[in-house]
Structures are given as structure tokens and as C-alpha cells.
Amino acid sequence: MPVKKVLLATPRGFCAGVARAVKAVHDTLEISDSPVYVKHEIVHNRYVVEDIGKKGAITIEKLSDVPDGAVVVFSAHGSPPEHYREAERRKLRLIDATCPLVTKVHLEAKKFLKEGYEIIYIGHKGHIEGIGVLAEGEEKRMIQVETVGDVESLEIGSPSKLAYLTQTTLSLTDTKEVIGALRAKYPQIIAPPLEDICYATTNRQTAVKELARVCDLVLILGSHSSSNSTRLMETARDEGALSFLIDDVSHIQEKWLEGVETVGISAGASAPEKLVQGVVEFFSKRNVEISDFISTVENMTFAEPLELKNLRKERTL
């Protein structure tokens, strides 16, 4: 039985934070007369990283690999405070492309720590975003948990001032369970002033959840290093749909399409739209009906990094 229909999830793909970060690199490359370094992958998508590399951006993992005085863009995922101090010490020309919603979590951490709170951070261990946030604690107390089991094994006594923060790209369902376990174990724990899981993560997970209920197969465009893309695949599977995370159209396997009538397509917040269109073309050539599946409409935008604005002014003087 051939595929009869393809549904394109909306919203999908680039969020405002990713669009801002990627544009910041492109703009910096255009106006800089010296090499441009990017600390960590600007976003977790290999096509984006390869594209900016072809245009001259040099992606590095250690700030020590950036020559003194050079131009460096900090990735969308956020950075430890020490990286900002090092950039200042070495007179690096910093363009901070950290997503403003990640910056919000850093600011919340600083505020809670200043007020004497101990913080439990919910996030995937080893993820670059969490590494940056946890570094805000330095000598103070910040503990990371990832699962309900992690919460159950915590032994921190019963501090009177206790708060939690979360990684911005987590699964809504899993995070709800972990927060529930924290509140049950530590009734005094308080939440951040505003939800930490970002609007784009929430919207894309909601759209995929709705999509999965009417599709036999859901394909998610995104790199396996992308936390939010992986969560989308898991969300679809949780709703009972067959789902796979693919880098691009070449990864589609014919056996996935056997017995499938309706295919849903979405993309992680770091996946460019051209990857989605490659899959659309694949099904269009098979005369499959393509339709939009609109869950909600996004209109969020973020201003460009202030440092980039200042660099542009200097170049026009």
C-alpha cells in the first residue's frame, strides 16, 4: 500500500534563537576583515555547521584555540562565566549568540544563588547548555538531575531555600514527572519565575504530539546531537506512531513506508527548512498529497546581539 498523504507540521524547524545565532555568524563573516571563530557548533545541526564552515567560519571547542584579539562567536547554547572572563582578558572580539531564553536561565541561576538558594538543575548530563548553567554555581551548590531515579537518590537534607531550573530543550512529559518527584520529596522547592522550557520546544512537541495521532509514521529532520530534535522523535513514539530522526532525505528507508498511508514531517529547532523540502520533494515525485498541519503560529523574533550591532557601526565609520 503506497503512502497517500504527507502532513507538514507547523511550527517546525528554526526557532527565533537559532535563526538569530545563525544570522549572527553570517553577518559577522560579512563585516569582519579577520577570521571568525565559533565556540562550539553554533547550533546542533551538521548542515548548518558545514555551511558556515564553507563560508569561512572556524568552529572550535576550546577557547584557547582562538588567537588573542580575534573575533569569536559564542554558540546559541550558552557558555560558562569563565569563558566570558577569558575573552575579556585576552581581548577577544566577542559576539554573544546565546539564545535569550538560555540567558534567562543563567540569570535565574545567578539570582537564586545570590539570594542563598540551593539549586537543582534538570537537564541532560553532559549537554553543553547545562554545562554553562551549572558553571554559574562555581563554589556554590547546584546539583543536576535527569530522571525521577536521580531525584529519588538525592541526599541533600532539607534546605529551607531550594529552587529548580530546567534545560530549555527538554521533553515536557519527562520534565513534568521529574518536577513532580522533586515537589513530593522537597515540598519547599520553588519554581523559576517563568517556565524554562522554551516556547519553541513546547510548540514543536505539541505539534508533533497532535501530528502523531493522525499519522502512521513521523519523520523528524535533525541531527542526533540535537536534544530538541531527539525529544520530537520520542514525543511521536510516545503517541504510538512509528518515528525516526533523520539528517536528510537520503536517510529514509523504504521499509519504513511499508503499510504506511499517512506520513507526518517535522524538524527540530536547529534544522534548516531546506532539509524538510528535500523530503517533500521525495514524496511529491511519488504523487503523494502534501498538506500543512498547523498546530499554532509563531511570530517570535529576537534582536541581534548588541556586540554585532557595535561591530557593524565600527565598520561603517
C-alpha atoms as a PDB file:
ATOM      1  CA  MET A   1       0.000   0.000   0.000  1.00  0.00           C
ATOM      2  CA  PRO A   2       1.690   3.253  -1.122  1.00  0.00           C
ATOM      3  CA  VAL A   3       1.831   6.402   1.007  1.00  0.00           C
ATOM      4  CA  LYS A   4      -1.238   8.522   0.259  1.00  0.00           C
ATOM      5  CA  LYS A   5      -0.698  11.682   2.286  1.00  0.00           C
ATOM      6  CA  VAL A   6       2.073  13.731   3.874  1.00  0.00           C
ATOM      7  CA  LEU A   7       1.325  16.246   6.638  1.00  0.00           C
ATOM      8  CA  LEU A   8       3.814  19.066   7.336  1.00  0.00           C
ATOM      9  CA  ALA A   9       3.837  20.176  10.959  1.00  0.00           C
ATOM     10  CA  THR A  10       3.663  23.876  11.754  1.00  0.00           C
ATOM     11  CA  PRO A  11       5.613  25.123  13.614  1.00  0.00           C
ATOM     12  CA  ARG A  12       8.795  23.250  12.723  1.00  0.00           C
ATOM     13  CA  GLY A  13      12.461  23.960  12.121  1.00  0.00           C
ATOM     14  CA  PHE A  14      14.373  27.083  13.095  1.00  0.00           C
ATOM     15  CA  CYS A  15      13.215  28.868  16.229  1.00  0.00           C
ATOM     16  CA  ALA A  16      13.925  32.539  16.877  1.00  0.00           C
ATOM     17  CA  GLY A  17      17.033  31.769  18.955  1.00  0.00           C
ATOM     18  CA  VAL A  18      18.563  29.542  16.292  1.00  0.00           C
ATOM     19  CA  ALA A  19      17.710  31.963  13.487  1.00  0.00           C
ATOM     20  CA  ARG A  20      19.353  34.765  15.489  1.00  0.00           C
ATOM     21  CA  ALA A  21      22.512  32.737  16.155  1.00  0.00           C
ATOM     22  CA  VAL A  22      22.958  31.533  12.581  1.00  0.00           C
ATOM     23  CA  LYS A  23      22.348  35.028  11.189  1.00  0.00           C
ATOM     24  CA  ALA A  24      24.845  36.424  13.698  1.00  0.00           C
ATOM     25  CA  VAL A  25      27.574  34.180  12.250  1.00  0.00           C
ATOM     26  CA  HIS A  26      26.705  35.064   8.652  1.00  0.00           C
ATOM     27  CA  ASP A  27      26.611  38.794   9.442  1.00  0.00           C
ATOM     28  CA  THR A  28      29.885  38.630  11.364  1.00  0.00           C
ATOM     29  CA  LEU A  29      31.537  36.882   8.423  1.00  0.00           C
ATOM     30  CA  GLU A  30      30.300  39.618   6.090  1.00  0.00           C
ATOM     31  CA  ILE A  31      31.541  42.565   8.098  1.00  0.00           C
ATOM     32  CA  SER A  32      34.698  41.171   9.699  1.00  0.00           C
ATOM     33  CA  ASP A  33      38.013  41.610   7.935  1.00  0.00           C
ATOM     34  CA  SER A  34      39.663  38.898  10.045  1.00  0.00           C
ATOM     35  CA  PRO A  35      38.990  35.181  10.671  1.00  0.00           C
ATOM     36  CA  VAL A  36      35.761  34.411  12.561  1.00  0.00           C
ATOM     37  CA  TYR A  37      35.824  31.646  15.160  1.00  0.00           C
ATOM     38  CA  VAL A  38      32.719  29.939  16.557  1.00  0.00           C
ATOM     39  CA  LYS A  39      32.939  28.366  20.007  1.00  0.00           C
ATOM     40  CA  HIS A  40      31.140  25.028  19.830  1.00  0.00           C
ATOM     41  CA  GLU A  41      28.729  24.209  16.988  1.00  0.00           C
ATOM     42  CA  ILE A  42      26.659  27.377  16.558  1.00  0.00           C
ATOM     43  CA  VAL A  43      23.584  25.099  16.682  1.00  0.00           C
ATOM     44  CA  HIS A  44      23.399  21.314  16.787  1.00  0.00           C
ATOM     45  CA  ASN A  45      22.916  20.631  13.093  1.00  0.00           C
ATOM     46  CA  ARG A  46      25.751  19.402  10.909  1.00  0.00           C
ATOM     47  CA  TYR A  47      24.389  21.023   7.734  1.00  0.00           C
ATOM     48  CA  VAL A  48      24.349  24.443   9.381  1.00  0.00           C
ATOM     49  CA  VAL A  49      27.861  23.931  10.758  1.00  0.00           C
ATOM     50  CA  GLU A  50      29.156  22.734   7.382  1.00  0.00           C
ATOM     51  CA  ASP A  51      27.517  25.689   5.613  1.00  0.00           C
ATOM     52  CA  ILE A  52      29.121  28.354   7.813  1.00  0.00           C
ATOM     53  CA  GLY A  53      32.410  26.460   7.546  1.00  0.00           C
ATOM     54  CA  LYS A  54      32.307  26.746   3.762  1.00  0.00           C
ATOM     55  CA  LYS A  55      31.825  30.492   4.179  1.00  0.00           C
ATOM     56  CA  GLY A  56      34.864  30.828   6.411  1.00  0.00           C
ATOM     57  CA  ALA A  57      33.743  30.263   9.991  1.00  0.00           C
ATOM     58  CA  ILE A  58      36.154  28.197  12.087  1.00  0.00           C
ATOM     59  CA  THR A  59      34.342  26.050  14.661  1.00  0.00           C
ATOM     60  CA  ILE A  60      36.403  25.246  17.758  1.00  0.00           C
ATOM     61  CA  GLU A  61      35.666  23.597  21.108  1.00  0.00           C
ATOM     62  CA  LYS A  62      38.347  25.203  23.275  1.00  0.00           C
ATOM     63  CA  LEU A  63      38.538  28.969  23.624  1.00  0.00           C
ATOM     64  CA  SER A  64      42.318  28.559  23.863  1.00  0.00           C
ATOM     65  CA  ASP A  65      42.250  27.701  20.137  1.00  0.00           C
ATOM     66  CA  VAL A  66      41.208  31.285  19.361  1.00  0.00           C
ATOM     67  CA  PRO A  67      44.175  33.670  18.868  1.00  0.00           C
ATOM     68  CA  ASP A  68      44.356  36.686  21.180  1.00  0.00           C
ATOM     69  CA  GLY A  69      42.363  39.612  19.825  1.00  0.00           C
ATOM     70  CA  ALA A  70      40.426  37.509  17.289  1.00  0.00           C
ATOM     71  CA  VAL A  71      36.689  37.581  16.594  1.00  0.00           C
ATOM     72  CA  VAL A  72      34.731  34.770  18.269  1.00  0.00           C
ATOM     73  CA  VAL A  73      31.026  33.959  18.258  1.00  0.00           C
ATOM     74  CA  PHE A  74      29.654  32.107  21.289  1.00  0.00           C
ATOM     75  CA  SER A  75      27.094  29.466  20.311  1.00  0.00           C
ATOM     76  CA  ALA A  76      23.352  29.570  20.988  1.00  0.00           C
ATOM     77  CA  HIS A  77      23.660  27.088  23.879  1.00  0.00           C
ATOM     78  CA  GLY A  78      25.227  29.448  26.392  1.00  0.00           C
ATOM     79  CA  SER A  79      28.684  29.473  27.993  1.00  0.00           C
ATOM     80  CA  PRO A  80      30.271  29.265  31.445  1.00  0.00           C
ATOM     81  CA  PRO A  81      31.114  32.610  33.118  1.00  0.00           C
ATOM     82  CA  GLU A  82      34.828  31.796  32.890  1.00  0.00           C
ATOM     83  CA  HIS A  83      34.652  31.877  29.090  1.00  0.00           C
ATOM     84  CA  TYR A  84      33.439  35.474  29.194  1.00  0.00           C
ATOM     85  CA  ARG A  85      36.214  36.380  31.630  1.00  0.00           C
ATOM     86  CA  GLU A  86      38.819  34.714  29.427  1.00  0.00           C
ATOM     87  CA  ALA A  87      37.502  36.508  26.355  1.00  0.00           C
ATOM     88  CA  GLU A  88      37.861  39.809  28.180  1.00  0.00           C
ATOM     89  CA  ARG A  89      41.352  39.005  29.476  1.00  0.00           C
ATOM     90  CA  ARG A  90      42.590  38.054  26.025  1.00  0.00           C
ATOM     91  CA  LYS A  91      40.833  40.958  24.330  1.00  0.00           C
ATOM     92  CA  LEU A  92      38.802  38.690  22.084  1.00  0.00           C
ATOM     93  CA  ARG A  93      36.158  40.430  19.985  1.00  0.00           C
ATOM     94  CA  LEU A  94      33.140  38.542  21.337  1.00  0.00           C
ATOM     95  CA  ILE A  95      29.806  38.201  19.559  1.00  0.00           C
ATOM     96  CA  ASP A  96      27.470  36.511  22.029  1.00  0.00           C
ATOM     97  CA  ALA A  97      24.862  34.499  20.108  1.00  0.00           C
ATOM     98  CA  THR A  98      23.461  32.769  23.194  1.00  0.00           C
ATOM     99  CA  CYS A  99      19.712  32.274  22.861  1.00  0.00           C
ATOM    100  CA  PRO A 100      17.983  34.884  25.061  1.00  0.00           C
ATOM    101  CA  LEU A 101      15.886  32.109  26.618  1.00  0.00           C
ATOM    102  CA  VAL A 102      19.043  30.287  27.687  1.00  0.00           C
ATOM    103  CA  THR A 103      20.404  33.569  29.036  1.00  0.00           C
ATOM    104  CA  LYS A 104      17.210  33.815  31.089  1.00  0.00           C
ATOM    105  CA  VAL A 105      18.064  30.541  32.854  1.00  0.00           C
ATOM    106  CA  HIS A 106      21.592  31.814  33.591  1.00  0.00           C
ATOM    107  CA  LEU A 107      20.132  34.986  35.103  1.00  0.00           C
ATOM    108  CA  GLU A 108      17.687  32.968  37.200  1.00  0.00           C
ATOM    109  CA  ALA A 109      20.570  30.852  38.495  1.00  0.00           C
ATOM    110  CA  LYS A 110      22.555  33.951  39.449  1.00  0.00           C
ATOM    111  CA  LYS A 111      19.547  35.473  41.221  1.00  0.00           C
ATOM    112  CA  PHE A 112      18.720  32.328  43.206  1.00  0.00           C
ATOM    113  CA  LEU A 113      22.363  31.826  44.209  1.00  0.00           C
ATOM    114  CA  LYS A 114      22.712  35.452  45.289  1.00  0.00           C
ATOM    115  CA  GLU A 115      19.625  35.022  47.475  1.00  0.00           C
ATOM    116  CA  GLY A 116      21.123  31.962  49.162  1.00  0.00           C
ATOM    117  CA  TYR A 117      19.181  29.224  47.402  1.00  0.00           C
ATOM    118  CA  GLU A 118      20.500  25.800  46.563  1.00  0.00           C
ATOM    119  CA  ILE A 119      19.543  24.853  43.009  1.00  0.00           C
ATOM    120  CA  ILE A 120      18.562  21.569  41.416  1.00  0.00           C
ATOM    121  CA  TYR A 121      19.051  21.751  37.660  1.00  0.00           C
ATOM    122  CA  ILE A 122      17.008  19.384  35.491  1.00  0.00           C
ATOM    123  CA  GLY A 123      18.845  18.565  32.284  1.00  0.00           C
ATOM    124  CA  HIS A 124      20.702  16.006  30.213  1.00  0.00           C
ATOM    125  CA  LYS A 125      24.069  15.277  31.768  1.00  0.00           C
ATOM    126  CA  GLY A 126      26.942  16.470  29.614  1.00  0.00           C
ATOM    127  CA  HIS A 127      24.782  18.700  27.400  1.00  0.00           C
ATOM    128  CA  ILE A 128      26.537  21.940  26.507  1.00  0.00           C
ATOM    129  CA  GLU A 129      23.628  24.110  27.697  1.00  0.00           C
ATOM    130  CA  GLY A 130      23.661  22.524  31.144  1.00  0.00           C
ATOM    131  CA  ILE A 131      27.442  22.793  31.430  1.00  0.00           C
ATOM    132  CA  GLY A 132      27.143  26.555  31.022  1.00  0.00           C
ATOM    133  CA  VAL A 133      24.311  26.956  33.536  1.00  0.00           C
ATOM    134  CA  LEU A 134      25.877  24.711  36.178  1.00  0.00           C
ATOM    135  CA  ALA A 135      29.087  26.731  35.943  1.00  0.00           C
ATOM    136  CA  GLU A 136      27.175  29.707  37.365  1.00  0.00           C
ATOM    137  CA  GLY A 137      27.328  27.879  40.701  1.00  0.00           C
ATOM    138  CA  GLU A 138      31.113  27.593  40.807  1.00  0.00           C
ATOM    139  CA  GLU A 139      31.706  27.265  44.575  1.00  0.00           C
ATOM    140  CA  LYS A 140      28.010  27.330  45.448  1.00  0.00           C
ATOM    141  CA  ARG A 141      25.583  24.459  45.442  1.00  0.00           C
ATOM    142  CA  MET A 142      23.981  23.379  42.174  1.00  0.00           C
ATOM    143  CA  ILE A 143      23.008  19.757  41.638  1.00  0.00           C
ATOM    144  CA  GLN A 144      21.959  18.195  38.340  1.00  0.00           C
ATOM    145  CA  VAL A 145      19.259  15.566  37.921  1.00  0.00           C
ATOM    146  CA  GLU A 146      17.981  13.962  34.736  1.00  0.00           C
ATOM    147  CA  THR A 147      15.441  11.355  35.818  1.00  0.00           C
ATOM    148  CA  VAL A 148      12.982  10.547  38.582  1.00  0.00           C
ATOM    149  CA  GLY A 149      15.526   7.971  39.741  1.00  0.00           C
ATOM    150  CA  ASP A 150      18.115  10.735  40.144  1.00  0.00           C
ATOM    151  CA  VAL A 151      15.678  12.625  42.367  1.00  0.00           C
ATOM    152  CA  GLU A 152      14.986   9.566  44.487  1.00  0.00           C
ATOM    153  CA  SER A 153      18.712   9.081  45.123  1.00  0.00           C
ATOM    154  CA  LEU A 154      19.352  12.702  46.148  1.00  0.00           C
ATOM    155  CA  GLU A 155      20.684  13.179  49.659  1.00  0.00           C
ATOM    156  CA  ILE A 156      20.793  16.908  50.336  1.00  0.00           C
ATOM    157  CA  GLY A 157      18.941  17.082  53.626  1.00  0.00           C
ATOM    158  CA  SER A 158      16.081  19.564  53.692  1.00  0.00           C
ATOM    159  CA  PRO A 159      17.407  23.016  52.790  1.00  0.00           C
ATOM    160  CA  SER A 160      14.947  25.807  53.515  1.00  0.00           C
ATOM    161  CA  LYS A 161      15.902  27.700  50.372  1.00  0.00           C
ATOM    162  CA  LEU A 162      15.692  25.357  47.404  1.00  0.00           C
ATOM    163  CA  ALA A 163      14.794  26.070  43.761  1.00  0.00           C
ATOM    164  CA  TYR A 164      14.845  24.196  40.468  1.00  0.00           C
ATOM    165  CA  LEU A 165      15.725  25.236  36.928  1.00  0.00           C
ATOM    166  CA  THR A 166      15.489  23.277  33.688  1.00  0.00           C
ATOM    167  CA  GLN A 167      17.271  22.897  30.376  1.00  0.00           C
ATOM    168  CA  THR A 168      15.285  24.709  27.687  1.00  0.00           C
ATOM    169  CA  THR A 169      15.009  21.777  25.247  1.00  0.00           C
ATOM    170  CA  LEU A 170      13.600  19.028  27.458  1.00  0.00           C
ATOM    171  CA  SER A 171      10.576  16.807  26.933  1.00  0.00           C
ATOM    172  CA  LEU A 172       7.519  18.357  28.561  1.00  0.00           C
ATOM    173  CA  THR A 173       6.281  14.965  29.756  1.00  0.00           C
ATOM    174  CA  ASP A 174       9.568  13.795  31.252  1.00  0.00           C
ATOM    175  CA  THR A 175      10.221  17.148  32.906  1.00  0.00           C
ATOM    176  CA  LYS A 176       6.753  17.173  34.458  1.00  0.00           C
ATOM    177  CA  GLU A 177       7.483  13.795  36.058  1.00  0.00           C
ATOM    178  CA  VAL A 178      10.854  14.927  37.424  1.00  0.00           C
ATOM    179  CA  ILE A 179       9.388  18.167  38.802  1.00  0.00           C
ATOM    180  CA  GLY A 180       6.599  16.154  40.411  1.00  0.00           C
ATOM    181  CA  ALA A 181       9.160  13.922  42.099  1.00  0.00           C
ATOM    182  CA  LEU A 182      11.097  16.971  43.336  1.00  0.00           C
ATOM    183  CA  ARG A 183       7.988  18.588  44.787  1.00  0.00           C
ATOM    184  CA  ALA A 184       6.984  15.357  46.504  1.00  0.00           C
ATOM    185  CA  LYS A 185      10.427  14.951  48.081  1.00  0.00           C
ATOM    186  CA  TYR A 186      11.073  18.651  48.757  1.00  0.00           C
ATOM    187  CA  PRO A 187       7.727  20.444  49.313  1.00  0.00           C
ATOM    188  CA  GLN A 188       9.599  23.689  49.960  1.00  0.00           C
ATOM    189  CA  ILE A 189      11.161  23.783  46.479  1.00  0.00           C
ATOM    190  CA  ILE A 190      10.200  26.755  44.322  1.00  0.00           C
ATOM    191  CA  ALA A 191       9.926  27.066  40.558  1.00  0.00           C
ATOM    192  CA  PRO A 192      11.600  29.651  38.317  1.00  0.00           C
ATOM    193  CA  PRO A 193       9.510  32.820  37.837  1.00  0.00           C
ATOM    194  CA  LEU A 194       8.751  31.767  34.260  1.00  0.00           C
ATOM    195  CA  GLU A 195       8.776  28.349  32.574  1.00  0.00           C
ATOM    196  CA  ASP A 196      12.333  27.485  31.459  1.00  0.00           C
ATOM    197  CA  ILE A 197      11.414  25.089  28.645  1.00  0.00           C
ATOM    198  CA  CYS A 198      11.296  27.458  25.693  1.00  0.00           C
ATOM    199  CA  TYR A 199       8.195  28.322  23.670  1.00  0.00           C
ATOM    200  CA  ALA A 200       9.667  26.721  20.532  1.00  0.00           C
ATOM    201  CA  THR A 201      10.344  23.412  22.271  1.00  0.00           C
ATOM    202  CA  THR A 202       6.817  23.421  23.689  1.00  0.00           C
ATOM    203  CA  ASN A 203       5.186  24.354  20.390  1.00  0.00           C
ATOM    204  CA  ARG A 204       7.103  21.774  18.353  1.00  0.00           C
ATOM    205  CA  GLN A 205       6.436  18.990  20.832  1.00  0.00           C
ATOM    206  CA  THR A 206       2.740  19.857  20.939  1.00  0.00           C
ATOM    207  CA  ALA A 207       2.529  19.907  17.139  1.00  0.00           C
ATOM    208  CA  VAL A 208       4.284  16.544  16.839  1.00  0.00           C
ATOM    209  CA  LYS A 209       2.044  15.056  19.520  1.00  0.00           C
ATOM    210  CA  GLU A 210      -1.039  16.111  17.531  1.00  0.00           C
ATOM    211  CA  LEU A 211       0.582  15.002  14.270  1.00  0.00           C
ATOM    212  CA  ALA A 212       1.448  11.545  15.602  1.00  0.00           C
ATOM    213  CA  ARG A 213      -2.187  10.887  16.491  1.00  0.00           C
ATOM    214  CA  VAL A 214      -3.225  11.062  12.819  1.00  0.00           C
ATOM    215  CA  CYS A 215      -0.099   9.588  11.160  1.00  0.00           C
ATOM    216  CA  ASP A 216       1.323   6.109  10.804  1.00  0.00           C
ATOM    217  CA  LEU A 217       4.888   7.370  10.503  1.00  0.00           C
ATOM    218  CA  VAL A 218       6.511  10.614  11.694  1.00  0.00           C
ATOM    219  CA  LEU A 219       9.870  11.716  10.285  1.00  0.00           C
ATOM    220  CA  ILE A 220      11.857  14.303  12.243  1.00  0.00           C
ATOM    221  CA  LEU A 221      14.592  16.257  10.464  1.00  0.00           C
ATOM    222  CA  GLY A 222      17.506  16.975  12.745  1.00  0.00           C
ATOM    223  CA  SER A 223      20.927  15.831  13.896  1.00  0.00           C
ATOM    224  CA  HIS A 224      21.272  13.177  16.581  1.00  0.00           C
ATOM    225  CA  SER A 225      23.335  15.654  18.624  1.00  0.00           C
ATOM    226  CA  SER A 226      20.265  17.896  18.822  1.00  0.00           C
ATOM    227  CA  SER A 227      18.428  17.449  22.118  1.00  0.00           C
ATOM    228  CA  ASN A 228      15.194  19.071  20.953  1.00  0.00           C
ATOM    229  CA  SER A 229      15.128  17.012  17.733  1.00  0.00           C
ATOM    230  CA  THR A 230      15.541  13.773  19.669  1.00  0.00           C
ATOM    231  CA  ARG A 231      12.728  14.813  22.012  1.00  0.00           C
ATOM    232  CA  LEU A 232      10.439  15.291  18.998  1.00  0.00           C
ATOM    233  CA  MET A 233      11.072  11.733  17.828  1.00  0.00           C
ATOM    234  CA  GLU A 234      10.403  10.438  21.346  1.00  0.00           C
ATOM    235  CA  THR A 235       7.217  12.504  21.573  1.00  0.00           C
ATOM    236  CA  ALA A 236       5.871  10.934  18.377  1.00  0.00           C
ATOM    237  CA  ARG A 237       6.728   7.444  19.609  1.00  0.00           C
ATOM    238  CA  ASP A 238       5.038   8.127  22.936  1.00  0.00           C
ATOM    239  CA  GLU A 239       1.834   8.787  20.981  1.00  0.00           C
ATOM    240  CA  GLY A 240       2.113   5.390  19.299  1.00  0.00           C
ATOM    241  CA  ALA A 241       3.437   6.424  15.886  1.00  0.00           C
ATOM    242  CA  LEU A 242       6.461   4.905  14.193  1.00  0.00           C
ATOM    243  CA  SER A 243       9.049   7.675  14.201  1.00  0.00           C
ATOM    244  CA  PHE A 244      12.642   8.218  13.084  1.00  0.00           C
ATOM    245  CA  LEU A 245      15.150  11.052  13.400  1.00  0.00           C
ATOM    246  CA  ILE A 246      16.899  11.650  10.062  1.00  0.00           C
ATOM    247  CA  ASP A 247      19.634  14.032   8.957  1.00  0.00           C
ATOM    248  CA  ASP A 248      18.175  14.405   5.484  1.00  0.00           C
ATOM    249  CA  VAL A 249      16.085  12.707   2.799  1.00  0.00           C
ATOM    250  CA  SER A 250      18.838  10.208   1.984  1.00  0.00           C
ATOM    251  CA  HIS A 251      18.265   8.506   5.333  1.00  0.00           C
ATOM    252  CA  ILE A 252      14.680   7.459   4.557  1.00  0.00           C
ATOM    253  CA  GLN A 253      14.417   3.679   4.329  1.00  0.00           C
ATOM    254  CA  GLU A 254      11.843   2.107   2.024  1.00  0.00           C
ATOM    255  CA  LYS A 255      10.931  -0.491   4.629  1.00  0.00           C
ATOM    256  CA  TRP A 256       9.645   2.309   6.888  1.00  0.00           C
ATOM    257  CA  LEU A 257       7.000   3.133   4.279  1.00  0.00           C
ATOM    258  CA  GLU A 258       5.570  -0.374   4.025  1.00  0.00           C
ATOM    259  CA  GLY A 259       1.918  -0.367   5.085  1.00  0.00           C
ATOM    260  CA  VAL A 260       2.016   3.382   5.781  1.00  0.00           C
ATOM    261  CA  GLU A 261      -0.762   5.632   4.457  1.00  0.00           C
ATOM    262  CA  THR A 262      -0.032   8.939   6.205  1.00  0.00           C
ATOM    263  CA  VAL A 263       3.406  10.374   6.948  1.00  0.00           C
ATOM    264  CA  GLY A 264       3.989  13.335   9.255  1.00  0.00           C
ATOM    265  CA  ILE A 265       7.043  15.543   8.872  1.00  0.00           C
ATOM    266  CA  SER A 266       8.566  17.954  11.364  1.00  0.00           C
ATOM    267  CA  ALA A 267      12.023  19.344  12.135  1.00  0.00           C
ATOM    268  CA  GLY A 268      13.992  20.230  15.226  1.00  0.00           C
ATOM    269  CA  ALA A 269      14.583  23.859  16.124  1.00  0.00           C
ATOM    270  CA  SER A 270      18.115  23.710  14.672  1.00  0.00           C
ATOM    271  CA  ALA A 271      17.192  22.055  11.345  1.00  0.00           C
ATOM    272  CA  PRO A 272      17.038  24.272   8.230  1.00  0.00           C
ATOM    273  CA  GLU A 273      13.870  24.248   6.127  1.00  0.00           C
ATOM    274  CA  LYS A 274      15.745  23.064   3.026  1.00  0.00           C
ATOM    275  CA  LEU A 275      16.069  19.645   4.679  1.00  0.00           C
ATOM    276  CA  VAL A 276      12.285  19.453   5.063  1.00  0.00           C
ATOM    277  CA  GLN A 277      11.803  20.467   1.448  1.00  0.00           C
ATOM    278  CA  GLY A 278      14.111  17.663   0.366  1.00  0.00           C
ATOM    279  CA  VAL A 279      11.725  15.184   1.999  1.00  0.00           C
ATOM    280  CA  VAL A 280       8.720  16.968   0.491  1.00  0.00           C
ATOM    281  CA  GLU A 281      10.275  16.603  -2.964  1.00  0.00           C
ATOM    282  CA  PHE A 282      10.888  12.890  -2.303  1.00  0.00           C
ATOM    283  CA  PHE A 283       7.178  12.299  -1.694  1.00  0.00           C
ATOM    284  CA  SER A 284       5.994  14.750  -4.366  1.00  0.00           C
ATOM    285  CA  LYS A 285       7.801  12.692  -7.003  1.00  0.00           C
ATOM    286  CA  ARG A 286       5.666   9.761  -5.855  1.00  0.00           C
ATOM    287  CA  ASN A 287       2.497  11.803  -6.412  1.00  0.00           C
ATOM    288  CA  VAL A 288       1.730  11.876  -2.694  1.00  0.00           C
ATOM    289  CA  GLU A 289      -0.682  14.577  -1.491  1.00  0.00           C
ATOM    290  CA  ILE A 290       1.176  17.188   0.616  1.00  0.00           C
ATOM    291  CA  SER A 291      -0.771  19.226   3.192  1.00  0.00           C
ATOM    292  CA  ASP A 292       0.037  21.620   6.016  1.00  0.00           C
ATOM    293  CA  PHE A 293      -0.793  20.544   9.559  1.00  0.00           C
ATOM    294  CA  ILE A 294      -0.996  23.751  11.595  1.00  0.00           C
ATOM    295  CA  SER A 295      -0.885  23.446  15.370  1.00  0.00           C
ATOM    296  CA  THR A 296      -0.023  27.046  16.198  1.00  0.00           C
ATOM    297  CA  VAL A 297       1.585  30.059  14.524  1.00  0.00           C
ATOM    298  CA  GLU A 298       4.814  31.558  15.861  1.00  0.00           C
ATOM    299  CA  ASN A 299       5.824  35.182  15.442  1.00  0.00           C
ATOM    300  CA  MET A 300       8.669  35.431  17.962  1.00  0.00           C
ATOM    301  CA  THR A 301      11.825  37.297  16.942  1.00  0.00           C
ATOM    302  CA  PHE A 302      14.925  38.362  18.886  1.00  0.00           C
ATOM    303  CA  ALA A 303      17.113  41.412  18.345  1.00  0.00           C
ATOM    304  CA  GLU A 304      20.611  40.771  17.035  1.00  0.00           C
ATOM    305  CA  PRO A 305      23.470  40.572  19.573  1.00  0.00           C
ATOM    306  CA  LEU A 306      24.475  44.022  20.790  1.00  0.00           C
ATOM    307  CA  GLU A 307      28.150  43.244  20.089  1.00  0.00           C
ATOM    308  CA  LEU A 308      27.313  42.619  16.439  1.00  0.00           C
ATOM    309  CA  LYS A 309      25.467  45.902  16.219  1.00  0.00           C
ATOM    310  CA  ASN A 310      28.511  47.681  17.653  1.00  0.00           C
ATOM    311  CA  LEU A 311      30.861  45.890  15.245  1.00  0.00           C
ATOM    312  CA  ARG A 312      28.682  46.920  12.307  1.00  0.00           C
ATOM    313  CA  LYS A 313      28.771  50.569  13.442  1.00  0.00           C
ATOM    314  CA  GLU A 314      32.569  50.485  13.665  1.00  0.00           C
ATOM    315  CA  ARG A 315      32.863  49.120  10.140  1.00  0.00           C
ATOM    316  CA  THR A 316      30.670  51.873   8.723  1.00  0.00           C
ATOM    317  CA  LEU A 317      32.553  54.761  10.344  1.00  0.00           C
END
